[in-house]
Amino acid sequence: MSNAFRNIGLFIRNNDPTLVSALTTVIEVLTARKLKFCCNQPLNFLPDVAVHPIDSFVDHCDLTIAVGGDGTMLSAGRALAGSDLPVVGINVGRLGFLADVTLKDLAVQLNNILDGEYRHDQRFMLTASYHKTPLGVAMNDIVVHCHQSMRMIEFETHINGRFLNSQRADGVVIATPTGSTAYAMSAGGPILDVDLNAIVITSVCPHTLSNRPLVIAADSVIDITLSENNTESAMVTCDGQTGQLLNPGESIRISRHDKHVDLLHPVDHDHYSILRAKLEWGRKLTC
C-alpha cells in the first residue's frame, strides 16, 4: 500500500456540530501538508470544500478519513468494501473499537499516518441474500429479529446445508470478529480476536437453558428460515443500519462477503489495549 497519500476523502454521516472541532483539526493538517481533500457532503462551517459521494471516492481519493464514531466507520466500510481504499477512523463517538484515532492526539497521529507510519488491517465482511438476491453487507453483524412487536420469533438454522437447531428467541446475531464486541457481545457471545477466520452465531434471549453461542469457520454458509408458525414478519438488519423484511416461511442465506475493508491504525495500535480500556477490564498487576 502506498505511503504517498495526496487526495483525501472526508466521510461524515451528518453535519453534527460535535464534529466541527475534529474536522477543523483534520483540515488544518491536510492544508498544512498541501493535500487535496473533498467531503461526502457539504460542510456547514466550510462551504467551499469539494463534495463527492463516497461511492466515487475510489475515483478521486487514495485515503478516506471517517470522522465520527464506530457507526460512521461501519457506513464507510460498507461503502468502500473491495475498493482497496483504506479508511482511518477519527473517534468522536463513545466506544471507538474501529475509529481509534483519538481527539487528544489527533494532529500527531494523523500526521504520522500520512507519513506512512501506520498499521494496516484487513477486516472481512458478511453478506445476506434472499433467493440469490443480495440484501446487504455487514462489517459487524447481520441480525434477524422481530419486526414490530416484542414477541419472539421461531426459526431454524442450517450450516453448510446441515440442520443445526430450531428455536424461539428474540432474534439471532451472526457476527464477524469485528462485530463480536457489539450486539453479539451484549447478547452473551464471545469476543473473537479480529485476526480469526471465524463467525459467531449468538441467539438473543433464547427460550431455552441449553442454548450457547457457536463459533464456526468464516467460509461457512448459514441459512436461517423463519417458521410459518410466526404471526409476524421478521427484520433482517445489516450493522443495525439497513433493514429488509423476512416473512414467515422465507429464508435468508448469510456467508462471507468476497470483499474486505482496509483499515489504517496508529502505529502503536493494540487491539487488546483497546478492549481493556473500552470494556474497563482490570489493570495489569505490578509486583
Protein backbone atom coordinates (compact mmCIF):
# COMPACT_ATOMS: atom_id res chain seq x y z
CA MET A 1 0.00 0.00 0.00
CA SER A 2 1.41 3.37 -1.00
CA ASN A 3 2.53 5.82 1.65
CA ALA A 4 2.03 8.77 -0.70
CA PHE A 5 -1.47 9.96 0.20
CA ARG A 6 -2.26 13.01 -1.91
CA ASN A 7 -6.05 13.09 -2.24
CA ILE A 8 -8.11 12.63 0.89
CA GLY A 9 -11.82 11.92 1.19
CA LEU A 10 -13.54 13.06 4.39
CA PHE A 11 -16.56 10.99 5.36
CA ILE A 12 -19.23 12.08 7.87
CA ARG A 13 -22.75 10.80 8.43
CA ASN A 14 -24.23 14.22 9.18
CA ASN A 15 -23.25 17.81 9.91
CA ASP A 16 -23.29 17.27 13.65
CA PRO A 17 -21.81 20.31 15.48
CA THR A 18 -19.78 17.94 17.67
CA LEU A 19 -17.70 17.04 14.61
CA VAL A 20 -16.57 20.60 13.88
CA SER A 21 -13.56 20.59 16.20
CA ALA A 22 -12.21 17.29 14.86
CA LEU A 23 -12.91 18.24 11.24
CA THR A 24 -11.18 21.58 11.75
CA THR A 25 -8.05 19.86 13.06
CA VAL A 26 -8.09 17.34 10.20
CA ILE A 27 -8.46 20.09 7.60
CA GLU A 28 -5.66 22.12 9.22
CA VAL A 29 -3.34 19.10 8.98
CA LEU A 30 -4.27 18.42 5.35
CA THR A 31 -3.94 22.09 4.39
CA ALA A 32 -0.53 22.40 6.06
CA ARG A 33 0.63 19.40 4.02
CA LYS A 34 -0.87 20.91 0.84
CA LEU A 35 -3.04 17.86 0.27
CA LYS A 36 -6.24 17.91 -1.76
CA PHE A 37 -9.41 16.85 0.01
CA CYS A 38 -13.14 16.52 -0.50
CA CYS A 39 -16.10 15.50 1.65
CA ASN A 40 -19.08 13.25 1.03
CA GLN A 41 -21.45 16.10 1.89
CA PRO A 42 -21.27 19.90 2.22
CA LEU A 43 -19.72 21.19 5.44
CA ASN A 44 -21.78 23.91 7.11
CA PHE A 45 -18.73 25.63 8.56
CA LEU A 46 -16.64 25.36 5.37
CA PRO A 47 -18.95 25.54 2.35
CA ASP A 48 -16.17 25.75 -0.26
CA VAL A 49 -14.97 22.16 0.27
CA ALA A 50 -15.41 19.98 -2.82
CA VAL A 51 -18.20 17.42 -2.46
CA HIS A 52 -18.19 13.88 -3.88
CA PRO A 53 -20.39 10.93 -2.83
CA ILE A 54 -18.45 8.24 -1.01
CA ASP A 55 -19.01 5.69 -3.75
CA SER A 56 -16.92 7.94 -6.03
CA PHE A 57 -14.05 8.32 -3.54
CA VAL A 58 -12.26 5.46 -5.29
CA ASP A 59 -12.01 7.71 -8.39
CA HIS A 60 -10.88 10.83 -6.52
CA CYS A 61 -9.05 9.72 -3.38
CA ASP A 62 -6.30 7.44 -2.11
CA LEU A 63 -7.32 7.65 1.56
CA THR A 64 -10.61 8.06 3.42
CA ILE A 65 -10.81 9.71 6.83
CA ALA A 66 -14.06 8.88 8.64
CA VAL A 67 -14.90 11.39 11.36
CA GLY A 68 -17.47 10.28 13.92
CA GLY A 69 -17.73 7.00 15.78
CA ASP A 70 -17.88 3.31 15.07
CA GLY A 71 -21.21 3.73 13.26
CA THR A 72 -19.52 6.13 10.85
CA MET A 73 -16.76 3.58 10.29
CA LEU A 74 -19.33 0.87 9.56
CA SER A 75 -21.04 3.05 6.96
CA ALA A 76 -17.72 3.93 5.33
CA GLY A 77 -16.55 0.32 5.41
CA ARG A 78 -19.66 -1.00 3.67
CA ALA A 79 -19.48 1.72 1.02
CA LEU A 80 -15.78 1.14 0.30
CA ALA A 81 -15.65 -2.66 0.61
CA GLY A 82 -13.41 -4.18 -2.03
CA SER A 83 -12.12 -0.83 -3.28
CA ASP A 84 -8.70 -1.18 -1.60
CA LEU A 85 -9.20 2.42 -0.46
CA PRO A 86 -8.01 2.48 3.17
CA VAL A 87 -10.03 4.08 5.96
CA VAL A 88 -8.76 5.94 9.02
CA GLY A 89 -11.26 6.49 11.83
CA ILE A 90 -11.31 9.64 13.98
CA ASN A 91 -13.21 8.84 17.16
CA VAL A 92 -15.73 11.49 18.17
CA GLY A 93 -18.13 8.82 19.46
CA ARG A 94 -18.29 6.78 22.64
CA LEU A 95 -16.54 3.46 22.19
CA GLY A 96 -14.02 3.66 19.39
CA PHE A 97 -13.30 0.00 18.66
CA LEU A 98 -12.94 0.89 14.96
CA ALA A 99 -12.45 4.66 15.00
CA ASP A 100 -9.33 4.66 17.14
CA VAL A 101 -7.54 7.94 16.38
CA THR A 102 -8.22 9.98 19.50
CA LEU A 103 -9.12 13.66 19.63
CA LYS A 104 -6.35 14.26 22.16
CA ASP A 105 -3.65 13.02 19.80
CA LEU A 106 -5.44 13.73 16.52
CA ALA A 107 -2.89 16.02 14.84
CA VAL A 108 0.12 13.89 15.82
CA GLN A 109 -1.47 10.55 14.93
CA LEU A 110 -2.88 11.80 11.63
CA ASN A 111 0.46 13.30 10.59
CA ASN A 112 2.17 10.02 11.42
CA ILE A 113 -0.30 8.06 9.30
CA LEU A 114 0.13 10.49 6.40
CA ASP A 115 3.89 9.99 6.75
CA GLY A 116 3.37 6.26 6.24
CA GLU A 117 3.66 5.28 9.90
CA TYR A 118 0.60 3.12 10.48
CA ARG A 119 -0.66 -0.41 10.99
CA HIS A 120 -2.62 -1.90 8.10
CA ASP A 121 -5.56 -4.13 8.99
CA GLN A 122 -7.99 -6.03 6.75
CA ARG A 123 -11.44 -6.99 8.04
CA PHE A 124 -13.75 -9.42 6.27
CA MET A 125 -17.47 -8.79 5.88
CA LEU A 126 -20.72 -10.74 5.72
CA THR A 127 -23.36 -10.72 3.02
CA ALA A 128 -27.04 -11.68 3.23
CA SER A 129 -29.12 -12.87 0.29
CA TYR A 130 -32.71 -13.92 -0.35
CA HIS A 131 -33.26 -16.31 -3.27
CA LYS A 132 -29.81 -15.24 -4.56
CA THR A 133 -30.88 -11.58 -4.41
CA PRO A 134 -28.43 -9.57 -2.26
CA LEU A 135 -30.00 -7.95 0.80
CA GLY A 136 -26.92 -6.16 2.08
CA VAL A 137 -23.42 -6.46 3.50
CA ALA A 138 -22.20 -6.00 7.05
CA MET A 139 -18.89 -5.29 8.69
CA ASN A 140 -20.16 -6.03 12.21
CA ASP A 141 -23.18 -8.30 12.08
CA ILE A 142 -26.36 -9.44 10.41
CA VAL A 143 -29.30 -9.76 12.81
CA VAL A 144 -32.69 -11.42 12.39
CA HIS A 145 -35.26 -10.13 14.87
CA CYS A 146 -38.97 -9.47 15.26
CA HIS A 147 -40.11 -6.56 13.14
CA GLN A 148 -42.67 -4.55 15.11
CA SER A 149 -43.51 -6.16 18.45
CA MET A 150 -41.57 -7.58 21.38
CA ARG A 151 -42.62 -11.13 20.50
CA MET A 152 -40.11 -13.89 20.00
CA ILE A 153 -39.55 -15.37 16.57
CA GLU A 154 -39.32 -19.06 15.72
CA PHE A 155 -36.67 -20.10 13.23
CA GLU A 156 -34.41 -22.89 12.01
CA THR A 157 -30.68 -22.63 11.37
CA HIS A 158 -28.69 -24.72 8.88
CA ILE A 159 -24.91 -24.55 8.42
CA ASN A 160 -23.47 -25.74 5.11
CA GLY A 161 -26.78 -27.45 4.39
CA ARG A 162 -26.84 -29.34 7.68
CA PHE A 163 -29.51 -28.78 10.30
CA LEU A 164 -28.20 -27.06 13.45
CA ASN A 165 -31.28 -26.26 15.51
CA SER A 166 -34.74 -24.78 15.75
CA GLN A 167 -35.51 -22.29 18.47
CA ARG A 168 -37.64 -19.47 19.72
CA ALA A 169 -35.79 -16.31 20.68
CA ASP A 170 -35.89 -12.55 20.38
CA GLY A 171 -33.51 -12.95 17.46
CA VAL A 172 -30.14 -14.21 16.31
CA VAL A 173 -26.89 -12.34 15.66
CA ILE A 174 -24.41 -13.52 13.03
CA ALA A 175 -21.20 -11.59 13.70
CA THR A 176 -17.70 -11.20 12.33
CA PRO A 177 -14.74 -10.94 14.71
CA THR A 178 -15.07 -7.17 14.25
CA GLY A 179 -18.71 -7.35 15.35
CA SER A 180 -18.08 -9.71 18.25
CA THR A 181 -17.65 -6.69 20.56
CA ALA A 182 -21.00 -5.21 19.50
CA TYR A 183 -24.54 -6.67 19.70
CA ALA A 184 -23.21 -10.24 19.85
CA MET A 185 -21.22 -9.46 23.00
CA SER A 186 -24.26 -7.82 24.61
CA ALA A 187 -26.23 -10.99 23.85
CA GLY A 188 -23.64 -13.10 25.67
CA GLY A 189 -21.40 -14.07 22.78
CA PRO A 190 -17.61 -14.43 22.99
CA ILE A 191 -15.11 -11.79 21.94
CA LEU A 192 -13.17 -13.02 18.91
CA ASP A 193 -9.66 -11.93 18.04
CA VAL A 194 -10.01 -9.72 14.96
CA ASP A 195 -7.49 -11.88 13.09
CA LEU A 196 -9.58 -15.04 13.49
CA ASN A 197 -11.10 -16.55 10.37
CA ALA A 198 -14.39 -17.23 12.14
CA ILE A 199 -18.03 -16.23 12.58
CA VAL A 200 -20.03 -16.34 15.80
CA ILE A 201 -23.76 -17.19 15.98
CA THR A 202 -25.41 -15.80 19.11
CA SER A 203 -29.10 -16.07 19.97
CA VAL A 204 -30.81 -13.12 21.63
CA CYS A 205 -32.73 -14.17 24.75
CA PRO A 206 -33.41 -17.76 23.58
CA HIS A 207 -36.29 -19.57 25.28
CA THR A 208 -34.10 -22.50 26.31
CA LEU A 209 -31.50 -23.04 29.01
CA SER A 210 -29.22 -25.14 26.80
CA ASN A 211 -28.57 -22.62 24.03
CA ARG A 212 -24.98 -21.42 23.68
CA PRO A 213 -23.16 -19.17 21.19
CA LEU A 214 -21.44 -21.09 18.41
CA VAL A 215 -18.16 -20.18 16.68
CA ILE A 216 -17.87 -21.56 13.14
CA ALA A 217 -15.47 -21.26 10.21
CA ALA A 218 -15.72 -17.99 8.30
CA ASP A 219 -16.33 -19.76 4.99
CA SER A 220 -19.48 -21.44 6.34
CA VAL A 221 -22.85 -20.81 4.70
CA ILE A 222 -25.66 -20.11 7.17
CA ASP A 223 -29.33 -20.46 6.24
CA ILE A 224 -31.96 -19.08 8.60
CA THR A 225 -35.59 -19.98 7.90
CA LEU A 226 -38.42 -18.16 9.62
CA SER A 227 -41.04 -20.68 10.73
CA GLU A 228 -44.51 -20.46 9.23
CA ASN A 229 -45.79 -20.56 12.81
CA ASN A 230 -44.78 -16.91 13.19
CA THR A 231 -47.68 -14.49 13.02
CA GLU A 232 -45.48 -11.53 12.11
CA SER A 233 -42.63 -10.79 9.76
CA ALA A 234 -39.06 -10.56 10.97
CA MET A 235 -36.48 -7.94 10.09
CA VAL A 236 -33.00 -8.62 8.74
CA THR A 237 -30.61 -5.80 9.61
CA CYS A 238 -27.03 -5.26 8.49
CA ASP A 239 -24.87 -3.42 11.03
CA GLY A 240 -28.07 -2.06 12.55
CA GLN A 241 -28.24 0.47 9.72
CA THR A 242 -30.08 -1.18 6.81
CA GLY A 243 -33.11 -3.46 7.00
CA GLN A 244 -35.20 -5.92 4.97
CA LEU A 245 -38.41 -7.74 5.90
CA LEU A 246 -38.45 -11.55 6.12
CA ASN A 247 -41.89 -13.16 6.01
CA PRO A 248 -42.93 -16.45 7.70
CA GLY A 249 -41.67 -19.42 5.69
CA GLU A 250 -38.90 -17.43 4.00
CA SER A 251 -35.17 -17.99 4.34
CA ILE A 252 -32.04 -15.88 4.13
CA ARG A 253 -28.52 -17.03 3.42
CA ILE A 254 -25.57 -15.45 5.22
CA SER A 255 -21.99 -16.01 4.13
CA ARG A 256 -18.61 -14.39 3.99
CA HIS A 257 -18.50 -11.49 1.55
CA ASP A 258 -15.90 -11.75 -1.20
CA LYS A 259 -14.69 -8.22 -0.42
CA HIS A 260 -12.88 -6.81 2.58
CA VAL A 261 -12.30 -3.45 4.25
CA ASP A 262 -8.83 -1.91 4.64
CA LEU A 263 -8.27 -0.04 7.91
CA LEU A 264 -5.27 2.05 8.94
CA HIS A 265 -4.46 2.46 12.63
CA PRO A 266 -1.87 4.45 14.57
CA VAL A 267 1.43 2.58 14.57
CA ASP A 268 1.09 1.76 18.29
CA HIS A 269 -2.39 0.27 17.80
CA ASP A 270 -3.03 -2.59 20.24
CA HIS A 271 -6.38 -4.36 19.99
CA TYR A 272 -6.08 -5.85 23.47
CA SER A 273 -5.33 -2.46 24.95
CA ILE A 274 -8.48 -1.11 23.30
CA LEU A 275 -10.53 -3.99 24.71
CA ARG A 276 -9.08 -3.40 28.15
CA ALA A 277 -9.84 0.33 28.05
CA LYS A 278 -13.27 0.24 26.42
CA LEU A 279 -14.58 -2.70 28.45
CA GLU A 280 -13.00 -1.44 31.68
CA TRP A 281 -11.04 -4.59 32.40
CA GLY A 282 -8.63 -4.68 35.34
CA ARG A 283 -5.24 -3.09 35.16
CA LYS A 284 -2.07 -5.13 34.84
CA LEU A 285 -0.82 -6.25 38.25
CA THR A 286 2.53 -4.92 39.43
CA CYS A 287 4.94 -6.88 41.60
